[in-house]
Amino acid sequence: MSDTQCYYGQMRGRARQLVSKLDDAMNDLVLVEAAVEEVLRADMDNPGELSTTDGADLRQFLDSAQLAVRAAERIANEHVRDVERAMQRLGLMPEKVSA
């Protein structure tokens, strides 16, 4: 295996790992969203319950985090495609067959 092929193979592996980790992060944020909804179900103004304002802030911060992770996923996926296109141009991997 050439040094170039090894380099691009490592770069592709790292890029794919990033995509996978971002996907895991989004899945975790979905679980956090469900947990937030469970916490917000208490609505009797008992001591220790989350205030309406804090609940709204929590939802907004979670929405912002999900938006940021989705944007990061788009960037990471495009990077994977860029690396794979470069590998194809260099003849390091076969061209994808269109169906």
C-alpha atoms as a PDB file:
ATOM      1  CA  MET A   1       0.000   0.000   0.000  1.00  0.00           C
ATOM      2  CA  SER A   2       1.416   3.399  -0.977  1.00  0.00           C
ATOM      3  CA  ASP A   3       1.950   6.207   1.496  1.00  0.00           C
ATOM      4  CA  THR A   4      -0.667   8.267  -0.349  1.00  0.00           C
ATOM      5  CA  GLN A   5      -3.225   5.481  -0.161  1.00  0.00           C
ATOM      6  CA  CYS A   6      -2.480   4.980   3.537  1.00  0.00           C
ATOM      7  CA  TYR A   7      -2.788   8.733   4.191  1.00  0.00           C
ATOM      8  CA  TYR A   8      -6.116   9.053   2.397  1.00  0.00           C
ATOM      9  CA  GLY A   9      -7.376   5.864   4.015  1.00  0.00           C
ATOM     10  CA  GLN A  10      -6.630   7.301   7.453  1.00  0.00           C
ATOM     11  CA  MET A  11      -8.193  10.635   6.550  1.00  0.00           C
ATOM     12  CA  ARG A  12     -11.327   8.877   5.281  1.00  0.00           C
ATOM     13  CA  GLY A  13     -11.529   6.732   8.424  1.00  0.00           C
ATOM     14  CA  ARG A  14     -11.216   9.763  10.686  1.00  0.00           C
ATOM     15  CA  ALA A  15     -13.837  11.668   8.705  1.00  0.00           C
ATOM     16  CA  ARG A  16     -16.257   8.758   8.910  1.00  0.00           C
ATOM     17  CA  GLN A  17     -15.592   8.400  12.637  1.00  0.00           C
ATOM     18  CA  LEU A  18     -16.466  12.078  13.091  1.00  0.00           C
ATOM     19  CA  VAL A  19     -19.757  11.553  11.254  1.00  0.00           C
ATOM     20  CA  SER A  20     -20.492   8.567  13.472  1.00  0.00           C
ATOM     21  CA  LYS A  21     -19.706  10.504  16.667  1.00  0.00           C
ATOM     22  CA  LEU A  22     -21.913  13.405  15.567  1.00  0.00           C
ATOM     23  CA  ASP A  23     -24.708  10.946  14.825  1.00  0.00           C
ATOM     24  CA  ASP A  24     -24.257   9.510  18.323  1.00  0.00           C
ATOM     25  CA  ALA A  25     -24.388  13.025  19.769  1.00  0.00           C
ATOM     26  CA  MET A  26     -27.651  13.741  17.950  1.00  0.00           C
ATOM     27  CA  ASN A  27     -29.139  10.487  19.213  1.00  0.00           C
ATOM     28  CA  ASP A  28     -28.105  11.446  22.745  1.00  0.00           C
ATOM     29  CA  LEU A  29     -29.670  14.889  22.332  1.00  0.00           C
ATOM     30  CA  VAL A  30     -32.941  13.226  21.313  1.00  0.00           C
ATOM     31  CA  LEU A  31     -32.779  11.186  24.529  1.00  0.00           C
ATOM     32  CA  VAL A  32     -32.072  14.359  26.501  1.00  0.00           C
ATOM     33  CA  GLU A  33     -35.073  15.985  24.832  1.00  0.00           C
ATOM     34  CA  ALA A  34     -37.279  13.130  26.061  1.00  0.00           C
ATOM     35  CA  ALA A  35     -35.820  13.482  29.558  1.00  0.00           C
ATOM     36  CA  VAL A  36     -36.518  17.227  29.524  1.00  0.00           C
ATOM     37  CA  GLU A  37     -40.123  16.571  28.547  1.00  0.00           C
ATOM     38  CA  GLU A  38     -40.426  14.128  31.456  1.00  0.00           C
ATOM     39  CA  VAL A  39     -39.084  16.748  33.872  1.00  0.00           C
ATOM     40  CA  LEU A  40     -41.454  19.384  32.488  1.00  0.00           C
ATOM     41  CA  ARG A  41     -44.535  17.204  33.011  1.00  0.00           C
ATOM     42  CA  ALA A  42     -44.661  18.274  36.652  1.00  0.00           C
ATOM     43  CA  ASP A  43     -46.823  21.369  36.499  1.00  0.00           C
ATOM     44  CA  MET A  44     -48.280  21.923  39.932  1.00  0.00           C
ATOM     45  CA  ASP A  45     -45.874  24.684  41.097  1.00  0.00           C
ATOM     46  CA  ASN A  46     -44.526  22.537  43.874  1.00  0.00           C
ATOM     47  CA  PRO A  47     -41.177  23.473  45.400  1.00  0.00           C
ATOM     48  CA  GLY A  48     -38.313  22.019  43.381  1.00  0.00           C
ATOM     49  CA  GLU A  49     -40.204  21.931  40.081  1.00  0.00           C
ATOM     50  CA  LEU A  50     -38.702  23.656  37.081  1.00  0.00           C
ATOM     51  CA  SER A  51     -40.138  27.108  36.458  1.00  0.00           C
ATOM     52  CA  THR A  52     -41.883  27.856  33.186  1.00  0.00           C
ATOM     53  CA  THR A  53     -39.088  30.244  32.223  1.00  0.00           C
ATOM     54  CA  ASP A  54     -36.362  27.710  33.024  1.00  0.00           C
ATOM     55  CA  GLY A  55     -38.259  25.037  31.104  1.00  0.00           C
ATOM     56  CA  ALA A  56     -38.544  27.283  28.062  1.00  0.00           C
ATOM     57  CA  ASP A  57     -34.847  28.175  28.300  1.00  0.00           C
ATOM     58  CA  LEU A  58     -33.935  24.510  28.584  1.00  0.00           C
ATOM     59  CA  ARG A  59     -35.942  23.671  25.471  1.00  0.00           C
ATOM     60  CA  GLN A  60     -34.410  26.587  23.568  1.00  0.00           C
ATOM     61  CA  PHE A  61     -30.852  25.592  24.516  1.00  0.00           C
ATOM     62  CA  LEU A  62     -31.549  22.001  23.527  1.00  0.00           C
ATOM     63  CA  ASP A  63     -32.990  23.131  20.185  1.00  0.00           C
ATOM     64  CA  SER A  64     -29.875  25.248  19.618  1.00  0.00           C
ATOM     65  CA  ALA A  65     -27.630  22.294  20.429  1.00  0.00           C
ATOM     66  CA  GLN A  66     -29.527  20.072  17.990  1.00  0.00           C
ATOM     67  CA  LEU A  67     -29.297  22.718  15.279  1.00  0.00           C
ATOM     68  CA  ALA A  68     -25.551  23.032  15.837  1.00  0.00           C
ATOM     69  CA  VAL A  69     -25.031  19.255  15.686  1.00  0.00           C
ATOM     70  CA  ARG A  70     -27.086  19.001  12.470  1.00  0.00           C
ATOM     71  CA  ALA A  71     -24.928  21.747  10.925  1.00  0.00           C
ATOM     72  CA  ALA A  72     -21.783  19.947  12.050  1.00  0.00           C
ATOM     73  CA  GLU A  73     -23.128  16.702  10.549  1.00  0.00           C
ATOM     74  CA  ARG A  74     -23.623  18.412   7.187  1.00  0.00           C
ATOM     75  CA  ILE A  75     -20.052  19.701   7.230  1.00  0.00           C
ATOM     76  CA  ALA A  76     -18.639  16.326   8.294  1.00  0.00           C
ATOM     77  CA  ASN A  77     -20.630  14.446   5.630  1.00  0.00           C
ATOM     78  CA  GLU A  78     -19.414  16.841   2.946  1.00  0.00           C
ATOM     79  CA  HIS A  79     -15.849  16.301   4.142  1.00  0.00           C
ATOM     80  CA  VAL A  80     -16.269  12.525   3.761  1.00  0.00           C
ATOM     81  CA  ARG A  81     -17.556  13.059   0.226  1.00  0.00           C
ATOM     82  CA  ASP A  82     -14.622  15.386  -0.558  1.00  0.00           C
ATOM     83  CA  VAL A  83     -12.093  12.821   0.669  1.00  0.00           C
ATOM     84  CA  GLU A  84     -13.775  10.028  -1.295  1.00  0.00           C
ATOM     85  CA  ARG A  85     -13.852  12.151  -4.470  1.00  0.00           C
ATOM     86  CA  ALA A  86     -10.155  12.898  -4.043  1.00  0.00           C
ATOM     87  CA  MET A  87      -9.455   9.192  -3.572  1.00  0.00           C
ATOM     88  CA  GLN A  88     -11.401   8.388  -6.742  1.00  0.00           C
ATOM     89  CA  ARG A  89      -9.503  11.033  -8.727  1.00  0.00           C
ATOM     90  CA  LEU A  90      -6.232   9.546  -7.517  1.00  0.00           C
ATOM     91  CA  GLY A  91      -7.389   6.028  -8.381  1.00  0.00           C
ATOM     92  CA  LEU A  92      -7.281   4.930  -4.728  1.00  0.00           C
ATOM     93  CA  MET A  93     -10.856   3.678  -4.707  1.00  0.00           C
ATOM     94  CA  PRO A  94     -13.264   2.600  -7.431  1.00  0.00           C
ATOM     95  CA  GLU A  95     -15.804   5.027  -8.860  1.00  0.00           C
ATOM     96  CA  LYS A  96     -19.279   4.625  -7.423  1.00  0.00           C
ATOM     97  CA  VAL A  97     -21.692   2.891  -9.758  1.00  0.00           C
ATOM     98  CA  SER A  98     -24.911   4.843 -10.360  1.00  0.00           C
ATOM     99  CA  ALA A  99     -28.125   2.866 -10.331  1.00  0.00           C
END
